[in-house]
Amino acid sequence: QIELVESGGELVHAGESLRLSCVASGTFDVINAMSWYRQVSGKQRELVARFTSDNLIQYSDSVKGRFTISRDNMKKAVYLQMNNLKPEDTAAYYCNADFTVNGITGSEFYDIWGQGTQVTVSS
């Protein structure tokens, strides 16, 4: 079984910083695309930042210049550095990744989500 586990979310004040981590475990060949999403209760989940399958980086307009996504392939991890946090960043943050398993790429069975980590920014 492949799993993604997020960590790092907590209560902070506006203007402070956090770094979220997402670590993969299990059996797979390669981690392809890796993404961070966030969701507020009652609203749709939205993309925050991601590495595409070609390792290009994309950001939501609302976080450009403040958030930085990075990855460590040896640690099988993706990170989200969040600077100058704002109350509107408050949400549950989820890690998503696509895996190649036994030479198979693009299967929906290997598109995995973590359980989420809560980020709360007070004013």
PDB file of N, CA and C in Angstrom:
ATOM      1  N   GLN A   1       0.841  -1.185   0.000  1.00  0.00           N
ATOM      2  CA  GLN A   1       0.000   0.000   0.000  1.00  0.00           C
ATOM      3  C   GLN A   1       0.885   1.247   0.000  1.00  0.00           C
ATOM      4  N   ILE A   2       0.557   2.188  -0.852  1.00  0.00           N
ATOM      5  CA  ILE A   2       1.266   3.459  -0.913  1.00  0.00           C
ATOM      6  C   ILE A   2       0.518   4.478  -0.060  1.00  0.00           C
ATOM      7  N   GLU A   3       1.254   5.223   0.759  1.00  0.00           N
ATOM      8  CA  GLU A   3       0.644   6.226   1.611  1.00  0.00           C
ATOM      9  C   GLU A   3       1.395   7.542   1.511  1.00  0.00           C
ATOM     10  N   LEU A   4       0.664   8.643   1.705  1.00  0.00           N
ATOM     11  CA  LEU A   4       1.231   9.976   1.824  1.00  0.00           C
ATOM     12  C   LEU A   4       0.816  10.531   3.178  1.00  0.00           C
ATOM     13  N   VAL A   5       1.765  11.064   3.924  1.00  0.00           N
ATOM     14  CA  VAL A   5       1.492  11.607   5.240  1.00  0.00           C
ATOM     15  C   VAL A   5       1.979  13.045   5.316  1.00  0.00           C
ATOM     16  N   GLU A   6       1.050  13.977   5.566  1.00  0.00           N
ATOM     17  CA  GLU A   6       1.383  15.390   5.699  1.00  0.00           C
ATOM     18  C   GLU A   6       1.657  15.735   7.161  1.00  0.00           C
ATOM     19  N   SER A   7       2.462  16.770   7.362  1.00  0.00           N
ATOM     20  CA  SER A   7       2.718  17.275   8.698  1.00  0.00           C
ATOM     21  C   SER A   7       3.130  18.737   8.609  1.00  0.00           C
ATOM     22  N   GLY A   8       3.098  19.428   9.730  1.00  0.00           N
ATOM     23  CA  GLY A   8       3.579  20.796   9.799  1.00  0.00           C
ATOM     24  C   GLY A   8       2.521  21.852  10.009  1.00  0.00           C
ATOM     25  N   GLY A   9       1.261  21.518   9.823  1.00  0.00           N
ATOM     26  CA  GLY A   9       0.206  22.505  10.006  1.00  0.00           C
ATOM     27  C   GLY A   9      -0.013  22.823  11.474  1.00  0.00           C
ATOM     28  N   GLU A  10      -0.316  24.093  11.768  1.00  0.00           N
ATOM     29  CA  GLU A  10      -0.592  24.528  13.122  1.00  0.00           C
ATOM     30  C   GLU A  10      -1.208  25.916  13.107  1.00  0.00           C
ATOM     31  N   LEU A  11      -1.502  26.431  14.290  1.00  0.00           N
ATOM     32  CA  LEU A  11      -2.034  27.780  14.438  1.00  0.00           C
ATOM     33  C   LEU A  11      -0.884  28.780  14.470  1.00  0.00           C
ATOM     34  N   VAL A  12      -0.938  29.780  13.592  1.00  0.00           N
ATOM     35  CA  VAL A  12       0.061  30.839  13.562  1.00  0.00           C
ATOM     36  C   VAL A  12      -0.628  32.183  13.395  1.00  0.00           C
ATOM     37  N   HIS A  13       0.138  33.257  13.588  1.00  0.00           N
ATOM     38  CA  HIS A  13      -0.382  34.602  13.373  1.00  0.00           C
ATOM     39  C   HIS A  13      -0.062  35.079  11.966  1.00  0.00           C
ATOM     40  N   ALA A  14      -0.841  36.000  11.478  1.00  0.00           N
ATOM     41  CA  ALA A  14      -0.596  36.585  10.165  1.00  0.00           C
ATOM     42  C   ALA A  14       0.829  37.128  10.079  1.00  0.00           C
ATOM     43  N   GLY A  15       1.478  36.870   8.946  1.00  0.00           N
ATOM     44  CA  GLY A  15       2.840  37.306   8.729  1.00  0.00           C
ATOM     45  C   GLY A  15       3.887  36.273   9.078  1.00  0.00           C
ATOM     46  N   GLU A  16       3.510  35.235   9.796  1.00  0.00           N
ATOM     47  CA  GLU A  16       4.447  34.187  10.167  1.00  0.00           C
ATOM     48  C   GLU A  16       4.582  33.152   9.048  1.00  0.00           C
ATOM     49  N   SER A  17       5.462  32.185   9.262  1.00  0.00           N
ATOM     50  CA  SER A  17       5.764  31.184   8.242  1.00  0.00           C
ATOM     51  C   SER A  17       5.581  29.774   8.770  1.00  0.00           C
ATOM     52  N   LEU A  18       5.311  28.857   7.864  1.00  0.00           N
ATOM     53  CA  LEU A  18       5.233  27.434   8.157  1.00  0.00           C
ATOM     54  C   LEU A  18       5.834  26.654   6.997  1.00  0.00           C
ATOM     55  N   ARG A  19       6.328  25.468   7.287  1.00  0.00           N
ATOM     56  CA  ARG A  19       6.738  24.552   6.235  1.00  0.00           C
ATOM     57  C   ARG A  19       5.990  23.235   6.396  1.00  0.00           C
ATOM     58  N   LEU A  20       5.240  22.872   5.383  1.00  0.00           N
ATOM     59  CA  LEU A  20       4.519  21.616   5.374  1.00  0.00           C
ATOM     60  C   LEU A  20       5.364  20.541   4.704  1.00  0.00           C
ATOM     61  N   SER A  21       5.257  19.324   5.218  1.00  0.00           N
ATOM     62  CA  SER A  21       5.976  18.195   4.654  1.00  0.00           C
ATOM     63  C   SER A  21       4.993  17.106   4.250  1.00  0.00           C
ATOM     64  N   CYS A  22       5.333  16.385   3.213  1.00  0.00           N
ATOM     65  CA  CYS A  22       4.550  15.242   2.772  1.00  0.00           C
ATOM     66  C   CYS A  22       5.531  14.144   2.391  1.00  0.00           C
ATOM     67  N   VAL A  23       5.440  13.010   3.061  1.00  0.00           N
ATOM     68  CA  VAL A  23       6.370  11.911   2.851  1.00  0.00           C
ATOM     69  C   VAL A  23       5.630  10.688   2.341  1.00  0.00           C
ATOM     70  N   ALA A  24       6.157  10.084   1.292  1.00  0.00           N
ATOM     71  CA  ALA A  24       5.561   8.890   0.704  1.00  0.00           C
ATOM     72  C   ALA A  24       6.214   7.634   1.256  1.00  0.00           C
ATOM     73  N   SER A  25       5.415   6.597   1.407  1.00  0.00           N
ATOM     74  CA  SER A  25       5.927   5.300   1.819  1.00  0.00           C
ATOM     75  C   SER A  25       5.214   4.214   1.033  1.00  0.00           C
ATOM     76  N   GLY A  26       5.833   3.049   0.947  1.00  0.00           N
ATOM     77  CA  GLY A  26       5.264   1.949   0.197  1.00  0.00           C
ATOM     78  C   GLY A  26       6.184   1.521  -0.929  1.00  0.00           C
ATOM     79  N   THR A  27       5.650   0.726  -1.836  1.00  0.00           N
ATOM     80  CA  THR A  27       6.430   0.186  -2.939  1.00  0.00           C
ATOM     81  C   THR A  27       6.030   0.837  -4.252  1.00  0.00           C
ATOM     82  N   PHE A  28       6.971   1.472  -4.908  1.00  0.00           N
ATOM     83  CA  PHE A  28       6.722   2.118  -6.188  1.00  0.00           C
ATOM     84  C   PHE A  28       8.054   2.344  -6.891  1.00  0.00           C
ATOM     85  N   ASP A  29       7.969   2.600  -8.198  1.00  0.00           N
ATOM     86  CA  ASP A  29       9.174   2.848  -8.985  1.00  0.00           C
ATOM     87  C   ASP A  29       9.624   4.293  -8.872  1.00  0.00           C
ATOM     88  N   VAL A  30       8.677   5.206  -9.136  1.00  0.00           N
ATOM     89  CA  VAL A  30       8.983   6.627  -9.242  1.00  0.00           C
ATOM     90  C   VAL A  30       7.775   7.442  -8.792  1.00  0.00           C
ATOM     91  N   ILE A  31       8.028   8.569  -8.136  1.00  0.00           N
ATOM     92  CA  ILE A  31       6.995   9.561  -7.896  1.00  0.00           C
ATOM     93  C   ILE A  31       7.042  10.556  -9.044  1.00  0.00           C
ATOM     94  N   ASN A  32       5.916  10.757  -9.696  1.00  0.00           N
ATOM     95  CA  ASN A  32       5.856  11.662 -10.843  1.00  0.00           C
ATOM     96  C   ASN A  32       5.383  13.044 -10.387  1.00  0.00           C
ATOM     97  N   ALA A  33       4.168  13.417 -10.725  1.00  0.00           N
ATOM     98  CA  ALA A  33       3.648  14.700 -10.297  1.00  0.00           C
ATOM     99  C   ALA A  33       3.399  14.700  -8.793  1.00  0.00           C
ATOM    100  N   MET A  34       3.694  15.821  -8.125  1.00  0.00           N
ATOM    101  CA  MET A  34       3.436  15.989  -6.701  1.00  0.00           C
ATOM    102  C   MET A  34       2.814  17.365  -6.492  1.00  0.00           C
ATOM    103  N   SER A  35       1.748  17.421  -5.709  1.00  0.00           N
ATOM    104  CA  SER A  35       0.973  18.650  -5.591  1.00  0.00           C
ATOM    105  C   SER A  35       0.523  18.905  -4.162  1.00  0.00           C
ATOM    106  N   TRP A  36       0.273  20.179  -3.877  1.00  0.00           N
ATOM    107  CA  TRP A  36      -0.386  20.603  -2.655  1.00  0.00           C
ATOM    108  C   TRP A  36      -1.715  21.250  -3.014  1.00  0.00           C
ATOM    109  N   TYR A  37      -2.764  20.805  -2.348  1.00  0.00           N
ATOM    110  CA  TYR A  37      -4.093  21.382  -2.465  1.00  0.00           C
ATOM    111  C   TYR A  37      -4.529  21.883  -1.097  1.00  0.00           C
ATOM    112  N   ARG A  38      -5.566  22.717  -1.078  1.00  0.00           N
ATOM    113  CA  ARG A  38      -6.154  23.129   0.188  1.00  0.00           C
ATOM    114  C   ARG A  38      -7.666  23.208   0.047  1.00  0.00           C
ATOM    115  N   GLN A  39      -8.346  23.065   1.189  1.00  0.00           N
ATOM    116  CA  GLN A  39      -9.792  23.051   1.172  1.00  0.00           C
ATOM    117  C   GLN A  39     -10.348  23.662   2.449  1.00  0.00           C
ATOM    118  N   VAL A  40     -11.271  24.584   2.274  1.00  0.00           N
ATOM    119  CA  VAL A  40     -12.021  25.169   3.377  1.00  0.00           C
ATOM    120  C   VAL A  40     -13.356  24.438   3.448  1.00  0.00           C
ATOM    121  N   SER A  41     -13.847  24.205   4.651  1.00  0.00           N
ATOM    122  CA  SER A  41     -15.115  23.504   4.827  1.00  0.00           C
ATOM    123  C   SER A  41     -16.212  24.167   4.017  1.00  0.00           C
ATOM    124  N   GLY A  42     -16.927  23.354   3.252  1.00  0.00           N
ATOM    125  CA  GLY A  42     -18.015  23.859   2.440  1.00  0.00           C
ATOM    126  C   GLY A  42     -17.611  24.356   1.067  1.00  0.00           C
ATOM    127  N   LYS A  43     -16.318  24.357   0.761  1.00  0.00           N
ATOM    128  CA  LYS A  43     -15.842  24.815  -0.536  1.00  0.00           C
ATOM    129  C   LYS A  43     -15.059  23.710  -1.240  1.00  0.00           C
ATOM    130  N   GLN A  44     -14.848  23.897  -2.539  1.00  0.00           N
ATOM    131  CA  GLN A  44     -14.110  22.921  -3.326  1.00  0.00           C
ATOM    132  C   GLN A  44     -12.624  22.964  -3.005  1.00  0.00           C
ATOM    133  N   ARG A  45     -11.991  21.811  -3.145  1.00  0.00           N
ATOM    134  CA  ARG A  45     -10.553  21.733  -2.977  1.00  0.00           C
ATOM    135  C   ARG A  45      -9.874  22.446  -4.143  1.00  0.00           C
ATOM    136  N   GLU A  46      -8.853  23.240  -3.843  1.00  0.00           N
ATOM    137  CA  GLU A  46      -8.174  23.995  -4.880  1.00  0.00           C
ATOM    138  C   GLU A  46      -6.678  23.687  -4.899  1.00  0.00           C
ATOM    139  N   LEU A  47      -6.108  23.745  -6.088  1.00  0.00           N
ATOM    140  CA  LEU A  47      -4.673  23.535  -6.257  1.00  0.00           C
ATOM    141  C   LEU A  47      -3.907  24.737  -5.732  1.00  0.00           C
ATOM    142  N   VAL A  48      -2.880  24.479  -4.927  1.00  0.00           N
ATOM    143  CA  VAL A  48      -2.020  25.525  -4.391  1.00  0.00           C
ATOM    144  C   VAL A  48      -0.710  25.602  -5.168  1.00  0.00           C
ATOM    145  N   ALA A  49      -0.051  24.468  -5.310  1.00  0.00           N
ATOM    146  CA  ALA A  49       1.229  24.404  -6.012  1.00  0.00           C
ATOM    147  C   ALA A  49       1.488  22.971  -6.421  1.00  0.00           C
ATOM    148  N   ARG A  50       2.250  22.797  -7.491  1.00  0.00           N
ATOM    149  CA  ARG A  50       2.558  21.435  -7.897  1.00  0.00           C
ATOM    150  C   ARG A  50       3.796  21.349  -8.770  1.00  0.00           C
ATOM    151  N   PHE A  51       4.405  20.166  -8.748  1.00  0.00           N
ATOM    152  CA  PHE A  51       5.346  19.741  -9.765  1.00  0.00           C
ATOM    153  C   PHE A  51       4.551  18.916 -10.769  1.00  0.00           C
ATOM    154  N   THR A  52       4.634  19.280 -12.032  1.00  0.00           N
ATOM    155  CA  THR A  52       3.982  18.495 -13.058  1.00  0.00           C
ATOM    156  C   THR A  52       4.771  17.211 -13.304  1.00  0.00           C
ATOM    157  N   SER A  53       4.228  16.347 -14.145  1.00  0.00           N
ATOM    158  CA  SER A  53       4.921  15.106 -14.479  1.00  0.00           C
ATOM    159  C   SER A  53       6.237  15.363 -15.205  1.00  0.00           C
ATOM    160  N   ASP A  54       6.386  16.549 -15.791  1.00  0.00           N
ATOM    161  CA  ASP A  54       7.632  16.951 -16.436  1.00  0.00           C
ATOM    162  C   ASP A  54       8.508  17.786 -15.512  1.00  0.00           C
ATOM    163  N   ASN A  55       8.153  17.840 -14.229  1.00  0.00           N
ATOM    164  CA  ASN A  55       8.910  18.532 -13.192  1.00  0.00           C
ATOM    165  C   ASN A  55       8.894  20.051 -13.337  1.00  0.00           C
ATOM    166  N   LEU A  56       7.860  20.576 -13.969  1.00  0.00           N
ATOM    167  CA  LEU A  56       7.646  22.013 -14.008  1.00  0.00           C
ATOM    168  C   LEU A  56       6.829  22.429 -12.787  1.00  0.00           C
ATOM    169  N   ILE A  57       7.009  23.664 -12.330  1.00  0.00           N
ATOM    170  CA  ILE A  57       6.329  24.146 -11.136  1.00  0.00           C
ATOM    171  C   ILE A  57       5.216  25.110 -11.509  1.00  0.00           C
ATOM    172  N   GLN A  58       4.057  24.926 -10.887  1.00  0.00           N
ATOM    173  CA  GLN A  58       2.920  25.803 -11.088  1.00  0.00           C
ATOM    174  C   GLN A  58       2.379  26.231  -9.729  1.00  0.00           C
ATOM    175  N   TYR A  59       1.954  27.503  -9.626  1.00  0.00           N
ATOM    176  CA  TYR A  59       1.391  28.042  -8.400  1.00  0.00           C
ATOM    177  C   TYR A  59       0.030  28.675  -8.656  1.00  0.00           C
ATOM    178  N   SER A  60      -0.805  28.621  -7.639  1.00  0.00           N
ATOM    179  CA  SER A  60      -2.020  29.414  -7.648  1.00  0.00           C
ATOM    180  C   SER A  60      -1.655  30.892  -7.563  1.00  0.00           C
ATOM    181  N   ASP A  61      -2.418  31.742  -8.244  1.00  0.00           N
ATOM    182  CA  ASP A  61      -2.150  33.173  -8.215  1.00  0.00           C
ATOM    183  C   ASP A  61      -2.168  33.736  -6.794  1.00  0.00           C
ATOM    184  N   SER A  62      -2.972  33.167  -5.930  1.00  0.00           N
ATOM    185  CA  SER A  62      -3.123  33.682  -4.578  1.00  0.00           C
ATOM    186  C   SER A  62      -1.900  33.447  -3.692  1.00  0.00           C
ATOM    187  N   VAL A  63      -0.995  32.553  -4.104  1.00  0.00           N
ATOM    188  CA  VAL A  63       0.170  32.243  -3.276  1.00  0.00           C
ATOM    189  C   VAL A  63       1.490  32.563  -3.954  1.00  0.00           C
ATOM    190  N   LYS A  64       1.468  33.000  -5.204  1.00  0.00           N
ATOM    191  CA  LYS A  64       2.702  33.333  -5.911  1.00  0.00           C
ATOM    192  C   LYS A  64       3.485  34.400  -5.161  1.00  0.00           C
ATOM    193  N   GLY A  65       4.781  34.171  -5.016  1.00  0.00           N
ATOM    194  CA  GLY A  65       5.638  35.103  -4.318  1.00  0.00           C
ATOM    195  C   GLY A  65       5.704  34.879  -2.827  1.00  0.00           C
ATOM    196  N   ARG A  66       4.813  34.052  -2.289  1.00  0.00           N
ATOM    197  CA  ARG A  66       4.797  33.767  -0.851  1.00  0.00           C
ATOM    198  C   ARG A  66       5.101  32.300  -0.546  1.00  0.00           C
ATOM    199  N   PHE A  67       4.620  31.395  -1.372  1.00  0.00           N
ATOM    200  CA  PHE A  67       4.801  29.960  -1.150  1.00  0.00           C
ATOM    201  C   PHE A  67       5.828  29.400  -2.125  1.00  0.00           C
ATOM    202  N   THR A  68       6.563  28.380  -1.671  1.00  0.00           N
ATOM    203  CA  THR A  68       7.536  27.709  -2.518  1.00  0.00           C
ATOM    204  C   THR A  68       7.404  26.203  -2.348  1.00  0.00           C
ATOM    205  N   ILE A  69       7.224  25.503  -3.453  1.00  0.00           N
ATOM    206  CA  ILE A  69       7.161  24.051  -3.415  1.00  0.00           C
ATOM    207  C   ILE A  69       8.541  23.491  -3.761  1.00  0.00           C
ATOM    208  N   SER A  70       8.931  22.425  -3.086  1.00  0.00           N
ATOM    209  CA  SER A  70      10.205  21.779  -3.354  1.00  0.00           C
ATOM    210  C   SER A  70      10.062  20.279  -3.115  1.00  0.00           C
ATOM    211  N   ARG A  71      11.027  19.521  -3.596  1.00  0.00           N
ATOM    212  CA  ARG A  71      10.970  18.072  -3.399  1.00  0.00           C
ATOM    213  C   ARG A  71      12.347  17.516  -3.099  1.00  0.00           C
ATOM    214  N   ASP A  72      12.357  16.401  -2.394  1.00  0.00           N
ATOM    215  CA  ASP A  72      13.573  15.685  -2.064  1.00  0.00           C
ATOM    216  C   ASP A  72      13.330  14.237  -2.455  1.00  0.00           C
ATOM    217  N   ASN A  73      13.880  13.838  -3.578  1.00  0.00           N
ATOM    218  CA  ASN A  73      13.598  12.507  -4.101  1.00  0.00           C
ATOM    219  C   ASN A  73      14.181  11.391  -3.224  1.00  0.00           C
ATOM    220  N   MET A  74      15.324  11.657  -2.585  1.00  0.00           N
ATOM    221  CA  MET A  74      15.918  10.649  -1.717  1.00  0.00           C
ATOM    222  C   MET A  74      15.040  10.392  -0.496  1.00  0.00           C
ATOM    223  N   LYS A  75      14.427  11.444   0.025  1.00  0.00           N
ATOM    224  CA  LYS A  75      13.532  11.302   1.169  1.00  0.00           C
ATOM    225  C   LYS A  75      12.099  10.998   0.754  1.00  0.00           C
ATOM    226  N   LYS A  76      11.848  10.956  -0.553  1.00  0.00           N
ATOM    227  CA  LYS A  76      10.512  10.694  -1.088  1.00  0.00           C
ATOM    228  C   LYS A  76       9.506  11.679  -0.513  1.00  0.00           C
ATOM    229  N   ALA A  77       9.873  12.947  -0.564  1.00  0.00           N
ATOM    230  CA  ALA A  77       9.075  13.967   0.092  1.00  0.00           C
ATOM    231  C   ALA A  77       8.872  15.191  -0.793  1.00  0.00           C
ATOM    232  N   VAL A  78       7.788  15.894  -0.534  1.00  0.00           N
ATOM    233  CA  VAL A  78       7.522  17.188  -1.136  1.00  0.00           C
ATOM    234  C   VAL A  78       7.202  18.153  -0.004  1.00  0.00           C
ATOM    235  N   TYR A  79       7.648  19.405  -0.152  1.00  0.00           N
ATOM    236  CA  TYR A  79       7.485  20.397   0.897  1.00  0.00           C
ATOM    237  C   TYR A  79       6.777  21.627   0.354  1.00  0.00           C
ATOM    238  N   LEU A  80       6.149  22.354   1.245  1.00  0.00           N
ATOM    239  CA  LEU A  80       5.543  23.625   0.901  1.00  0.00           C
ATOM    240  C   LEU A  80       5.967  24.648   1.940  1.00  0.00           C
ATOM    241  N   GLN A  81       6.872  25.539   1.553  1.00  0.00           N
ATOM    242  CA  GLN A  81       7.290  26.631   2.420  1.00  0.00           C
ATOM    243  C   GLN A  81       6.301  27.777   2.254  1.00  0.00           C
ATOM    244  N   MET A  82       5.667  28.180   3.336  1.00  0.00           N
ATOM    245  CA  MET A  82       4.636  29.207   3.301  1.00  0.00           C
ATOM    246  C   MET A  82       5.101  30.407   4.121  1.00  0.00           C
ATOM    247  N   ASN A  83       5.362  31.513   3.442  1.00  0.00           N
ATOM    248  CA  ASN A  83       5.809  32.737   4.095  1.00  0.00           C
ATOM    249  C   ASN A  83       4.717  33.794   4.049  1.00  0.00           C
ATOM    250  N   ASN A  84       4.808  34.742   4.977  1.00  0.00           N
ATOM    251  CA  ASN A  84       3.845  35.844   5.041  1.00  0.00           C
ATOM    252  C   ASN A  84       2.409  35.328   4.978  1.00  0.00           C
ATOM    253  N   LEU A  85       2.103  34.419   5.864  1.00  0.00           N
ATOM    254  CA  LEU A  85       0.777  33.808   5.870  1.00  0.00           C
ATOM    255  C   LEU A  85      -0.313  34.826   6.176  1.00  0.00           C
ATOM    256  N   LYS A  86      -1.456  34.615   5.548  1.00  0.00           N
ATOM    257  CA  LYS A  86      -2.608  35.487   5.703  1.00  0.00           C
ATOM    258  C   LYS A  86      -3.796  34.678   6.221  1.00  0.00           C
ATOM    259  N   PRO A  87      -4.754  35.329   6.880  1.00  0.00           N
ATOM    260  CA  PRO A  87      -5.931  34.598   7.365  1.00  0.00           C
ATOM    261  C   PRO A  87      -6.639  33.817   6.266  1.00  0.00           C
ATOM    262  N   GLU A  88      -6.639  34.328   5.041  1.00  0.00           N
ATOM    263  CA  GLU A  88      -7.298  33.628   3.951  1.00  0.00           C
ATOM    264  C   GLU A  88      -6.568  32.360   3.516  1.00  0.00           C
ATOM    265  N   ASP A  89      -5.370  32.112   4.055  1.00  0.00           N
ATOM    266  CA  ASP A  89      -4.663  30.861   3.802  1.00  0.00           C
ATOM    267  C   ASP A  89      -5.165  29.734   4.703  1.00  0.00           C
ATOM    268  N   THR A  90      -5.993  30.056   5.675  1.00  0.00           N
ATOM    269  CA  THR A  90      -6.522  29.054   6.589  1.00  0.00           C
ATOM    270  C   THR A  90      -7.293  27.990   5.822  1.00  0.00           C
ATOM    271  N   ALA A  91      -6.894  26.735   5.997  1.00  0.00           N
ATOM    272  CA  ALA A  91      -7.512  25.621   5.282  1.00  0.00           C
ATOM    273  C   ALA A  91      -6.850  24.326   5.716  1.00  0.00           C
ATOM    274  N   ALA A  92      -7.468  23.219   5.316  1.00  0.00           N
ATOM    275  CA  ALA A  92      -6.815  21.926   5.415  1.00  0.00           C
ATOM    276  C   ALA A  92      -5.985  21.725   4.151  1.00  0.00           C
ATOM    277  N   TYR A  93      -4.713  21.413   4.317  1.00  0.00           N
ATOM    278  CA  TYR A  93      -3.805  21.256   3.186  1.00  0.00           C
ATOM    279  C   TYR A  93      -3.552  19.776   2.934  1.00  0.00           C
ATOM    280  N   TYR A  94      -3.673  19.380   1.662  1.00  0.00           N
ATOM    281  CA  TYR A  94      -3.559  17.990   1.271  1.00  0.00           C
ATOM    282  C   TYR A  94      -2.443  17.795   0.257  1.00  0.00           C
ATOM    283  N   CYS A  95      -1.729  16.708   0.406  1.00  0.00           N
ATOM    284  CA  CYS A  95      -0.695  16.312  -0.534  1.00  0.00           C
ATOM    285  C   CYS A  95      -1.272  15.301  -1.515  1.00  0.00           C
ATOM    286  N   ASN A  96      -0.908  15.421  -2.775  1.00  0.00           N
ATOM    287  CA  ASN A  96      -1.326  14.488  -3.814  1.00  0.00           C
ATOM    288  C   ASN A  96      -0.124  14.122  -4.670  1.00  0.00           C
ATOM    289  N   ALA A  97      -0.035  12.847  -5.052  1.00  0.00           N
ATOM    290  CA  ALA A  97       1.070  12.414  -5.893  1.00  0.00           C
ATOM    291  C   ALA A  97       0.634  11.294  -6.816  1.00  0.00           C
ATOM    292  N   ASP A  98       1.271  11.252  -7.967  1.00  0.00           N
ATOM    293  CA  ASP A  98       1.065  10.190  -8.945  1.00  0.00           C
ATOM    294  C   ASP A  98       2.315   9.322  -8.970  1.00  0.00           C
ATOM    295  N   PHE A  99       2.125   8.009  -8.925  1.00  0.00           N
ATOM    296  CA  PHE A  99       3.234   7.072  -8.835  1.00  0.00           C
ATOM    297  C   PHE A  99       3.301   6.152 -10.044  1.00  0.00           C
ATOM    298  N   THR A 100       4.516   5.784 -10.421  1.00  0.00           N
ATOM    299  CA  THR A 100       4.735   4.693 -11.351  1.00  0.00           C
ATOM    300  C   THR A 100       4.986   3.436 -10.528  1.00  0.00           C
ATOM    301  N   VAL A 101       4.205   2.399 -10.784  1.00  0.00           N
ATOM    302  CA  VAL A 101       4.289   1.160 -10.026  1.00  0.00           C
ATOM    303  C   VAL A 101       4.434  -0.002 -10.994  1.00  0.00           C
ATOM    304  N   ASN A 102       5.479  -0.776 -10.832  1.00  0.00           N
ATOM    305  CA  ASN A 102       5.755  -1.920 -11.708  1.00  0.00           C
ATOM    306  C   ASN A 102       5.737  -1.522 -13.181  1.00  0.00           C
ATOM    307  N   GLY A 103       6.268  -0.357 -13.468  1.00  0.00           N
ATOM    308  CA  GLY A 103       6.358   0.127 -14.829  1.00  0.00           C
ATOM    309  C   GLY A 103       5.099   0.766 -15.372  1.00  0.00           C
ATOM    310  N   ILE A 104       4.040   0.857 -14.569  1.00  0.00           N
ATOM    311  CA  ILE A 104       2.772   1.422 -15.009  1.00  0.00           C
ATOM    312  C   ILE A 104       2.672   2.866 -14.554  1.00  0.00           C
ATOM    313  N   THR A 105       2.474   3.765 -15.505  1.00  0.00           N
ATOM    314  CA  THR A 105       2.348   5.192 -15.234  1.00  0.00           C
ATOM    315  C   THR A 105       0.977   5.681 -15.663  1.00  0.00           C
ATOM    316  N   GLY A 106       0.357   6.514 -14.831  1.00  0.00           N
ATOM    317  CA  GLY A 106      -0.907   7.127 -15.184  1.00  0.00           C
ATOM    318  C   GLY A 106      -2.148   6.385 -14.722  1.00  0.00           C
ATOM    319  N   SER A 107      -1.985   5.316 -13.986  1.00  0.00           N
ATOM    320  CA  SER A 107      -3.136   4.580 -13.470  1.00  0.00           C
ATOM    321  C   SER A 107      -3.807   5.354 -12.348  1.00  0.00           C
ATOM    322  N   GLU A 108      -5.131   5.397 -12.352  1.00  0.00           N
ATOM    323  CA  GLU A 108      -5.867   6.080 -11.297  1.00  0.00           C
ATOM    324  C   GLU A 108      -5.668   5.399  -9.944  1.00  0.00           C
ATOM    325  N   PHE A 109      -5.298   4.152  -9.941  1.00  0.00           N
ATOM    326  CA  PHE A 109      -5.059   3.427  -8.699  1.00  0.00           C
ATOM    327  C   PHE A 109      -3.823   3.930  -7.968  1.00  0.00           C
ATOM    328  N   TYR A 110      -2.926   4.602  -8.699  1.00  0.00           N
ATOM    329  CA  TYR A 110      -1.685   5.093  -8.114  1.00  0.00           C
ATOM    330  C   TYR A 110      -1.660   6.612  -8.040  1.00  0.00           C
ATOM    331  N   ASP A 111      -2.827   7.222  -8.016  1.00  0.00           N
ATOM    332  CA  ASP A 111      -3.007   8.643  -7.757  1.00  0.00           C
ATOM    333  C   ASP A 111      -3.491   8.748  -6.309  1.00  0.00           C
ATOM    334  N   ILE A 112      -2.592   9.156  -5.400  1.00  0.00           N
ATOM    335  CA  ILE A 112      -2.814   9.002  -3.968  1.00  0.00           C
ATOM    336  C   ILE A 112      -2.935  10.357  -3.265  1.00  0.00           C
ATOM    337  N   TRP A 113      -3.817  10.411  -2.271  1.00  0.00           N
ATOM    338  CA  TRP A 113      -4.005  11.593  -1.427  1.00  0.00           C
ATOM    339  C   TRP A 113      -3.617  11.297   0.016  1.00  0.00           C
ATOM    340  N   GLY A 114      -3.078  12.317   0.698  1.00  0.00           N
ATOM    341  CA  GLY A 114      -2.850  12.212   2.129  1.00  0.00           C
ATOM    342  C   GLY A 114      -4.104  12.565   2.903  1.00  0.00           C
ATOM    343  N   GLN A 115      -4.010  12.528   4.224  1.00  0.00           N
ATOM    344  CA  GLN A 115      -5.155  12.793   5.086  1.00  0.00           C
ATOM    345  C   GLN A 115      -5.354  14.267   5.394  1.00  0.00           C
ATOM    346  N   GLY A 116      -4.356  15.085   5.130  1.00  0.00           N
ATOM    347  CA  GLY A 116      -4.468  16.513   5.334  1.00  0.00           C
ATOM    348  C   GLY A 116      -3.846  16.988   6.633  1.00  0.00           C
ATOM    349  N   THR A 117      -3.442  18.249   6.642  1.00  0.00           N
ATOM    350  CA  THR A 117      -2.931  18.895   7.845  1.00  0.00           C
ATOM    351  C   THR A 117      -3.520  20.303   7.910  1.00  0.00           C
ATOM    352  N   GLN A 118      -4.001  20.682   9.081  1.00  0.00           N
ATOM    353  CA  GLN A 118      -4.731  21.930   9.232  1.00  0.00           C
ATOM    354  C   GLN A 118      -3.793  23.106   9.467  1.00  0.00           C
ATOM    355  N   VAL A 119      -3.974  24.147   8.674  1.00  0.00           N
ATOM    356  CA  VAL A 119      -3.260  25.411   8.850  1.00  0.00           C
ATOM    357  C   VAL A 119      -4.274  26.479   9.220  1.00  0.00           C
ATOM    358  N   THR A 120      -4.058  27.133  10.344  1.00  0.00           N
ATOM    359  CA  THR A 120      -4.949  28.198  10.790  1.00  0.00           C
ATOM    360  C   THR A 120      -4.130  29.458  11.034  1.00  0.00           C
ATOM    361  N   VAL A 121      -4.516  30.539  10.372  1.00  0.00           N
ATOM    362  CA  VAL A 121      -3.800  31.807  10.475  1.00  0.00           C
ATOM    363  C   VAL A 121      -4.717  32.834  11.110  1.00  0.00           C
ATOM    364  N   SER A 122      -4.338  33.329  12.264  1.00  0.00           N
ATOM    365  CA  SER A 122      -5.128  34.324  12.961  1.00  0.00           C
ATOM    366  C   SER A 122      -4.631  35.723  12.631  1.00  0.00           C
ATOM    367  N   SER A 123      -5.523  36.692  12.722  1.00  0.00           N
ATOM    368  CA  SER A 123      -5.163  38.075  12.448  1.00  0.00           C
ATOM    369  C   SER A 123      -4.683  38.796  13.696  1.00  0.00           C
TER     370      SER A 123
END
